[in-house]
Amino acid sequence: MYEGIEINQLDTPLHVLFSLSLVIGILLIWLRHGFPREWRLAGWALTDVRRIWQRSADEAPRTGGVIIAHLLGIIAVTTILLGCVTALEINVPAYKTLALGSAIGTVTLSYRLFTQWILGFFSRTHLISKDQIDIDRHLRTWMAATVGALAIVFSLLPQLLMLLGSEVLLLTWGGWTVVRFWRVFQTSKRRLSHFWWRIVYLCALEILPVFFIIQFIMNIL
């Protein structure tokens, strides 16, 4: 009687993609209403980055807001990977993709926090390392918002996901990466006096890590 009817399980990639978009939305609402300082700083990262450089001590974000923002960045990377795997119809269980995406996001975050800790020991790079990790966190919040919105659309319109989902998600990630490069370069102009120091900083701590992540994902896909 039920032959030929497709049965969608709750753990199918589309359901998981939709669930991730809901999680991103809930975290964004929590960040907006529960941690207004972090939300305000995230807005400045887009509209007026100088306000981040010049903020006073009473404008520093609370720890909870920082944790939520970092978590949004990890979930965004996970959502992008799941969307690409689903769009390319790669036969990988959703839980494995989630684990891999979470690992990539966590390793990326750990690397950035580690570099900030190392650079904090040197007077020349102490201030720029702090600005860099803050800007990175704020822009990843907006990337998560963009990816979450796309995930809702793609989970409800699977034909659109199959048609151009992977391209749109990767371009979204690449676009926010370029914005982060530009903001970090602006910061380096302010904090580093010599042009070649800025180039070395961008290549060693921004461009090369992104290149290795792209190579890693391409090898997997």
C-alpha atoms as a PDB file:
ATOM      1  CA  MET A   1       0.000   0.000   0.000  1.00  0.00           C
ATOM      2  CA  TYR A   2       2.859   2.384   0.856  1.00  0.00           C
ATOM      3  CA  GLU A   3       5.264   1.191  -1.850  1.00  0.00           C
ATOM      4  CA  GLY A   4       6.918   3.985  -3.772  1.00  0.00           C
ATOM      5  CA  ILE A   5       6.348   6.561  -1.027  1.00  0.00           C
ATOM      6  CA  GLU A   6       9.573   8.209   0.115  1.00  0.00           C
ATOM      7  CA  ILE A   7      10.005   8.191   3.881  1.00  0.00           C
ATOM      8  CA  ASN A   8      11.989  11.132   5.246  1.00  0.00           C
ATOM      9  CA  GLN A   9      13.774  10.371   8.476  1.00  0.00           C
ATOM     10  CA  LEU A  10      14.384  13.100  11.022  1.00  0.00           C
ATOM     11  CA  ASP A  11      18.136  12.665  10.665  1.00  0.00           C
ATOM     12  CA  THR A  12      18.234  13.291   6.894  1.00  0.00           C
ATOM     13  CA  PRO A  13      20.632  16.055   5.808  1.00  0.00           C
ATOM     14  CA  LEU A  14      17.807  18.459   4.942  1.00  0.00           C
ATOM     15  CA  HIS A  15      16.244  18.089   8.383  1.00  0.00           C
ATOM     16  CA  VAL A  16      19.635  18.536  10.026  1.00  0.00           C
ATOM     17  CA  LEU A  17      20.310  21.586   7.846  1.00  0.00           C
ATOM     18  CA  PHE A  18      17.004  23.117   8.922  1.00  0.00           C
ATOM     19  CA  SER A  19      17.750  22.310  12.571  1.00  0.00           C
ATOM     20  CA  LEU A  20      21.135  24.030  12.345  1.00  0.00           C
ATOM     21  CA  SER A  21      19.471  27.135  10.921  1.00  0.00           C
ATOM     22  CA  LEU A  22      17.085  27.181  13.881  1.00  0.00           C
ATOM     23  CA  VAL A  23      19.977  26.839  16.322  1.00  0.00           C
ATOM     24  CA  ILE A  24      21.757  29.762  14.643  1.00  0.00           C
ATOM     25  CA  GLY A  25      18.594  31.853  14.852  1.00  0.00           C
ATOM     26  CA  ILE A  26      18.089  31.080  18.551  1.00  0.00           C
ATOM     27  CA  LEU A  27      21.715  31.930  19.371  1.00  0.00           C
ATOM     28  CA  LEU A  28      21.494  35.202  17.429  1.00  0.00           C
ATOM     29  CA  ILE A  29      18.347  36.213  19.314  1.00  0.00           C
ATOM     30  CA  TRP A  30      20.032  35.289  22.598  1.00  0.00           C
ATOM     31  CA  LEU A  31      23.107  37.315  21.655  1.00  0.00           C
ATOM     32  CA  ARG A  32      21.008  40.299  20.584  1.00  0.00           C
ATOM     33  CA  HIS A  33      18.903  40.508  23.722  1.00  0.00           C
ATOM     34  CA  GLY A  34      21.128  38.886  26.339  1.00  0.00           C
ATOM     35  CA  PHE A  35      24.473  40.442  25.461  1.00  0.00           C
ATOM     36  CA  PRO A  36      23.908  43.905  23.928  1.00  0.00           C
ATOM     37  CA  ARG A  37      27.590  44.898  24.210  1.00  0.00           C
ATOM     38  CA  GLU A  38      28.708  41.988  22.046  1.00  0.00           C
ATOM     39  CA  TRP A  39      25.920  42.732  19.578  1.00  0.00           C
ATOM     40  CA  ARG A  40      26.882  46.403  19.442  1.00  0.00           C
ATOM     41  CA  LEU A  41      30.527  45.513  18.814  1.00  0.00           C
ATOM     42  CA  ALA A  42      29.471  43.149  16.029  1.00  0.00           C
ATOM     43  CA  GLY A  43      27.621  46.020  14.401  1.00  0.00           C
ATOM     44  CA  TRP A  44      30.670  48.268  14.637  1.00  0.00           C
ATOM     45  CA  ALA A  45      32.776  45.566  12.945  1.00  0.00           C
ATOM     46  CA  LEU A  46      30.616  46.150   9.860  1.00  0.00           C
ATOM     47  CA  THR A  47      29.905  49.869   9.974  1.00  0.00           C
ATOM     48  CA  ASP A  48      32.684  51.582  11.959  1.00  0.00           C
ATOM     49  CA  VAL A  49      35.651  49.408  12.876  1.00  0.00           C
ATOM     50  CA  ARG A  50      37.375  52.389  14.533  1.00  0.00           C
ATOM     51  CA  ARG A  51      34.867  52.167  17.382  1.00  0.00           C
ATOM     52  CA  ILE A  52      36.249  48.712  18.181  1.00  0.00           C
ATOM     53  CA  TRP A  53      39.783  50.117  18.344  1.00  0.00           C
ATOM     54  CA  GLN A  54      38.696  52.993  20.565  1.00  0.00           C
ATOM     55  CA  ARG A  55      36.146  51.329  22.828  1.00  0.00           C
ATOM     56  CA  SER A  56      36.385  51.981  26.536  1.00  0.00           C
ATOM     57  CA  ALA A  57      36.665  49.399  29.304  1.00  0.00           C
ATOM     58  CA  ASP A  58      32.951  49.607  30.129  1.00  0.00           C
ATOM     59  CA  GLU A  59      32.165  48.593  26.523  1.00  0.00           C
ATOM     60  CA  ALA A  60      33.999  45.268  26.796  1.00  0.00           C
ATOM     61  CA  PRO A  61      31.717  42.284  26.066  1.00  0.00           C
ATOM     62  CA  ARG A  62      30.721  39.765  28.695  1.00  0.00           C
ATOM     63  CA  THR A  63      32.217  36.274  28.568  1.00  0.00           C
ATOM     64  CA  GLY A  64      28.872  34.668  27.758  1.00  0.00           C
ATOM     65  CA  GLY A  65      28.455  36.800  24.656  1.00  0.00           C
ATOM     66  CA  VAL A  66      31.971  35.957  23.482  1.00  0.00           C
ATOM     67  CA  ILE A  67      31.297  32.231  23.886  1.00  0.00           C
ATOM     68  CA  ILE A  68      28.022  32.449  21.943  1.00  0.00           C
ATOM     69  CA  ALA A  69      29.744  34.370  19.133  1.00  0.00           C
ATOM     70  CA  HIS A  70      32.510  31.760  18.884  1.00  0.00           C
ATOM     71  CA  LEU A  71      29.902  28.989  18.912  1.00  0.00           C
ATOM     72  CA  LEU A  72      28.048  30.696  16.071  1.00  0.00           C
ATOM     73  CA  GLY A  73      31.260  30.658  14.040  1.00  0.00           C
ATOM     74  CA  ILE A  74      31.716  26.921  14.575  1.00  0.00           C
ATOM     75  CA  ILE A  75      28.085  26.163  13.677  1.00  0.00           C
ATOM     76  CA  ALA A  76      28.376  28.319  10.545  1.00  0.00           C
ATOM     77  CA  VAL A  77      31.334  26.272   9.288  1.00  0.00           C
ATOM     78  CA  THR A  78      29.452  23.056  10.097  1.00  0.00           C
ATOM     79  CA  THR A  79      26.375  24.261   8.226  1.00  0.00           C
ATOM     80  CA  ILE A  80      28.417  25.234   5.172  1.00  0.00           C
ATOM     81  CA  LEU A  81      30.070  21.816   5.045  1.00  0.00           C
ATOM     82  CA  LEU A  82      26.769  19.957   5.501  1.00  0.00           C
ATOM     83  CA  GLY A  83      25.108  22.054   2.806  1.00  0.00           C
ATOM     84  CA  CYS A  84      27.949  21.418   0.345  1.00  0.00           C
ATOM     85  CA  VAL A  85      27.997  17.675   1.030  1.00  0.00           C
ATOM     86  CA  THR A  86      24.224  17.496   0.582  1.00  0.00           C
ATOM     87  CA  ALA A  87      24.229  19.593  -2.595  1.00  0.00           C
ATOM     88  CA  LEU A  88      26.986  17.485  -4.154  1.00  0.00           C
ATOM     89  CA  GLU A  89      25.105  14.306  -3.127  1.00  0.00           C
ATOM     90  CA  ILE A  90      28.118  12.835  -1.384  1.00  0.00           C
ATOM     91  CA  ASN A  91      27.075   9.671   0.417  1.00  0.00           C
ATOM     92  CA  VAL A  92      28.231  10.551   3.920  1.00  0.00           C
ATOM     93  CA  PRO A  93      26.050  10.181   7.043  1.00  0.00           C
ATOM     94  CA  ALA A  94      24.897  13.506   8.441  1.00  0.00           C
ATOM     95  CA  TYR A  95      26.443  12.848  11.847  1.00  0.00           C
ATOM     96  CA  LYS A  96      29.885  12.343  10.295  1.00  0.00           C
ATOM     97  CA  THR A  97      29.572  15.614   8.386  1.00  0.00           C
ATOM     98  CA  LEU A  98      28.502  17.375  11.580  1.00  0.00           C
ATOM     99  CA  ALA A  99      31.474  15.946  13.449  1.00  0.00           C
ATOM    100  CA  LEU A 100      33.891  16.961  10.684  1.00  0.00           C
ATOM    101  CA  GLY A 101      32.449  20.453  10.358  1.00  0.00           C
ATOM    102  CA  SER A 102      32.560  20.971  14.112  1.00  0.00           C
ATOM    103  CA  ALA A 103      36.171  19.759  14.168  1.00  0.00           C
ATOM    104  CA  ILE A 104      37.192  22.171  11.384  1.00  0.00           C
ATOM    105  CA  GLY A 105      35.452  25.072  13.110  1.00  0.00           C
ATOM    106  CA  THR A 106      36.951  24.207  16.482  1.00  0.00           C
ATOM    107  CA  VAL A 107      40.473  23.775  15.102  1.00  0.00           C
ATOM    108  CA  THR A 108      40.207  27.095  13.261  1.00  0.00           C
ATOM    109  CA  LEU A 109      39.049  28.855  16.420  1.00  0.00           C
ATOM    110  CA  SER A 110      41.749  27.192  18.516  1.00  0.00           C
ATOM    111  CA  TYR A 111      44.403  28.258  16.028  1.00  0.00           C
ATOM    112  CA  ARG A 112      43.278  31.868  16.169  1.00  0.00           C
ATOM    113  CA  LEU A 113      43.126  31.937  19.952  1.00  0.00           C
ATOM    114  CA  PHE A 114      46.569  30.321  20.115  1.00  0.00           C
ATOM    115  CA  THR A 115      48.079  32.884  17.725  1.00  0.00           C
ATOM    116  CA  GLN A 116      46.516  35.695  19.747  1.00  0.00           C
ATOM    117  CA  TRP A 117      48.076  34.273  22.903  1.00  0.00           C
ATOM    118  CA  ILE A 118      51.506  33.973  21.259  1.00  0.00           C
ATOM    119  CA  LEU A 119      51.430  37.432  19.669  1.00  0.00           C
ATOM    120  CA  GLY A 120      50.283  38.930  22.947  1.00  0.00           C
ATOM    121  CA  PHE A 121      53.788  38.413  24.330  1.00  0.00           C
ATOM    122  CA  PHE A 122      55.326  40.868  21.831  1.00  0.00           C
ATOM    123  CA  SER A 123      54.843  44.597  22.165  1.00  0.00           C
ATOM    124  CA  ARG A 124      54.690  45.143  18.382  1.00  0.00           C
ATOM    125  CA  THR A 125      51.804  42.689  17.869  1.00  0.00           C
ATOM    126  CA  HIS A 126      50.025  42.760  21.246  1.00  0.00           C
ATOM    127  CA  LEU A 127      47.327  45.246  20.249  1.00  0.00           C
ATOM    128  CA  ILE A 128      46.777  43.978  16.704  1.00  0.00           C
ATOM    129  CA  SER A 129      46.362  40.400  17.898  1.00  0.00           C
ATOM    130  CA  LYS A 130      43.586  41.457  20.261  1.00  0.00           C
ATOM    131  CA  ASP A 131      41.861  43.528  17.573  1.00  0.00           C
ATOM    132  CA  GLN A 132      42.220  40.688  15.093  1.00  0.00           C
ATOM    133  CA  ILE A 133      40.541  38.055  17.256  1.00  0.00           C
ATOM    134  CA  ASP A 134      37.711  40.466  18.115  1.00  0.00           C
ATOM    135  CA  ILE A 135      37.056  41.404  14.488  1.00  0.00           C
ATOM    136  CA  ASP A 136      37.233  37.760  13.448  1.00  0.00           C
ATOM    137  CA  ARG A 137      34.650  36.830  16.067  1.00  0.00           C
ATOM    138  CA  HIS A 138      32.252  39.635  15.158  1.00  0.00           C
ATOM    139  CA  LEU A 139      32.387  38.957  11.427  1.00  0.00           C
ATOM    140  CA  ARG A 140      31.830  35.247  11.996  1.00  0.00           C
ATOM    141  CA  THR A 141      28.637  36.204  13.837  1.00  0.00           C
ATOM    142  CA  TRP A 142      27.362  37.897  10.685  1.00  0.00           C
ATOM    143  CA  MET A 143      28.560  35.011   8.545  1.00  0.00           C
ATOM    144  CA  ALA A 144      26.529  32.679  10.770  1.00  0.00           C
ATOM    145  CA  ALA A 145      23.455  34.889  10.288  1.00  0.00           C
ATOM    146  CA  THR A 146      23.895  34.776   6.500  1.00  0.00           C
ATOM    147  CA  VAL A 147      24.513  31.032   6.434  1.00  0.00           C
ATOM    148  CA  GLY A 148      21.546  30.406   8.739  1.00  0.00           C
ATOM    149  CA  ALA A 149      19.224  32.315   6.411  1.00  0.00           C
ATOM    150  CA  LEU A 150      20.535  30.385   3.403  1.00  0.00           C
ATOM    151  CA  ALA A 151      20.164  27.086   5.267  1.00  0.00           C
ATOM    152  CA  ILE A 152      16.466  27.753   5.888  1.00  0.00           C
ATOM    153  CA  VAL A 153      15.876  28.489   2.210  1.00  0.00           C
ATOM    154  CA  PHE A 154      17.859  25.492   0.982  1.00  0.00           C
ATOM    155  CA  SER A 155      16.296  23.065   3.466  1.00  0.00           C
ATOM    156  CA  LEU A 156      12.807  24.108   2.316  1.00  0.00           C
ATOM    157  CA  LEU A 157      13.761  24.190  -1.376  1.00  0.00           C
ATOM    158  CA  PRO A 158      15.988  21.147  -1.930  1.00  0.00           C
ATOM    159  CA  GLN A 159      15.922  21.602  -5.718  1.00  0.00           C
ATOM    160  CA  LEU A 160      17.576  24.985  -5.267  1.00  0.00           C
ATOM    161  CA  LEU A 161      20.147  23.425  -2.948  1.00  0.00           C
ATOM    162  CA  MET A 162      21.056  20.794  -5.536  1.00  0.00           C
ATOM    163  CA  LEU A 163      21.242  23.397  -8.292  1.00  0.00           C
ATOM    164  CA  LEU A 164      23.543  25.990  -6.723  1.00  0.00           C
ATOM    165  CA  GLY A 165      23.724  25.336  -2.988  1.00  0.00           C
ATOM    166  CA  SER A 166      27.417  24.486  -2.745  1.00  0.00           C
ATOM    167  CA  GLU A 167      28.440  27.468  -4.893  1.00  0.00           C
ATOM    168  CA  VAL A 168      26.355  29.937  -2.893  1.00  0.00           C
ATOM    169  CA  LEU A 169      27.525  28.620   0.485  1.00  0.00           C
ATOM    170  CA  LEU A 170      31.186  28.622  -0.507  1.00  0.00           C
ATOM    171  CA  LEU A 171      30.898  32.103  -2.011  1.00  0.00           C
ATOM    172  CA  THR A 172      29.262  33.280   1.210  1.00  0.00           C
ATOM    173  CA  TRP A 173      32.133  31.876   3.244  1.00  0.00           C
ATOM    174  CA  GLY A 174      34.654  33.356   0.804  1.00  0.00           C
ATOM    175  CA  GLY A 175      32.936  36.741   0.803  1.00  0.00           C
ATOM    176  CA  TRP A 176      33.016  37.072   4.582  1.00  0.00           C
ATOM    177  CA  THR A 177      36.633  35.891   4.553  1.00  0.00           C
ATOM    178  CA  VAL A 178      37.525  38.728   2.168  1.00  0.00           C
ATOM    179  CA  VAL A 179      35.713  41.215   4.423  1.00  0.00           C
ATOM    180  CA  ARG A 180      37.725  39.905   7.378  1.00  0.00           C
ATOM    181  CA  PHE A 181      40.962  40.256   5.406  1.00  0.00           C
ATOM    182  CA  TRP A 182      40.103  43.867   4.671  1.00  0.00           C
ATOM    183  CA  ARG A 183      39.244  44.676   8.282  1.00  0.00           C
ATOM    184  CA  VAL A 184      42.409  43.018   9.545  1.00  0.00           C
ATOM    185  CA  PHE A 185      44.444  44.905   6.928  1.00  0.00           C
ATOM    186  CA  GLN A 186      42.880  48.172   8.117  1.00  0.00           C
ATOM    187  CA  THR A 187      43.866  47.261  11.648  1.00  0.00           C
ATOM    188  CA  SER A 188      47.400  46.364  10.589  1.00  0.00           C
ATOM    189  CA  LYS A 189      47.761  49.788   8.932  1.00  0.00           C
ATOM    190  CA  ARG A 190      46.963  51.356  12.279  1.00  0.00           C
ATOM    191  CA  ARG A 191      48.992  49.010  14.491  1.00  0.00           C
ATOM    192  CA  LEU A 192      52.013  48.126  12.318  1.00  0.00           C
ATOM    193  CA  SER A 193      54.191  50.914  11.008  1.00  0.00           C
ATOM    194  CA  HIS A 194      55.934  49.079   8.163  1.00  0.00           C
ATOM    195  CA  PHE A 195      54.137  47.862   5.023  1.00  0.00           C
ATOM    196  CA  TRP A 196      56.053  44.594   4.828  1.00  0.00           C
ATOM    197  CA  TRP A 197      55.122  43.755   8.419  1.00  0.00           C
ATOM    198  CA  ARG A 198      51.479  44.023   7.361  1.00  0.00           C
ATOM    199  CA  ILE A 199      52.008  41.701   4.393  1.00  0.00           C
ATOM    200  CA  VAL A 200      53.838  39.132   6.508  1.00  0.00           C
ATOM    201  CA  TYR A 201      51.130  39.304   9.164  1.00  0.00           C
ATOM    202  CA  LEU A 202      48.311  38.786   6.655  1.00  0.00           C
ATOM    203  CA  CYS A 203      50.044  35.948   4.828  1.00  0.00           C
ATOM    204  CA  ALA A 204      51.209  34.049   7.882  1.00  0.00           C
ATOM    205  CA  LEU A 205      48.158  34.444  10.102  1.00  0.00           C
ATOM    206  CA  GLU A 206      45.266  34.948   7.677  1.00  0.00           C
ATOM    207  CA  ILE A 207      45.845  33.861   4.071  1.00  0.00           C
ATOM    208  CA  LEU A 208      47.873  30.683   4.623  1.00  0.00           C
ATOM    209  CA  PRO A 209      45.470  29.164   7.210  1.00  0.00           C
ATOM    210  CA  VAL A 210      42.519  29.795   4.884  1.00  0.00           C
ATOM    211  CA  PHE A 211      44.443  28.197   2.013  1.00  0.00           C
ATOM    212  CA  PHE A 212      45.141  25.064   4.064  1.00  0.00           C
ATOM    213  CA  ILE A 213      41.484  24.818   5.120  1.00  0.00           C
ATOM    214  CA  ILE A 214      40.352  25.091   1.484  1.00  0.00           C
ATOM    215  CA  GLN A 215      42.815  22.398   0.434  1.00  0.00           C
ATOM    216  CA  PHE A 216      41.638  20.147   3.257  1.00  0.00           C
ATOM    217  CA  ILE A 217      37.964  20.533   2.340  1.00  0.00           C
ATOM    218  CA  MET A 218      38.675  20.037  -1.381  1.00  0.00           C
ATOM    219  CA  ASN A 219      40.529  16.813  -0.648  1.00  0.00           C
ATOM    220  CA  ILE A 220      37.555  15.560   1.385  1.00  0.00           C
ATOM    221  CA  LEU A 221      34.985  16.505  -1.260  1.00  0.00           C
END
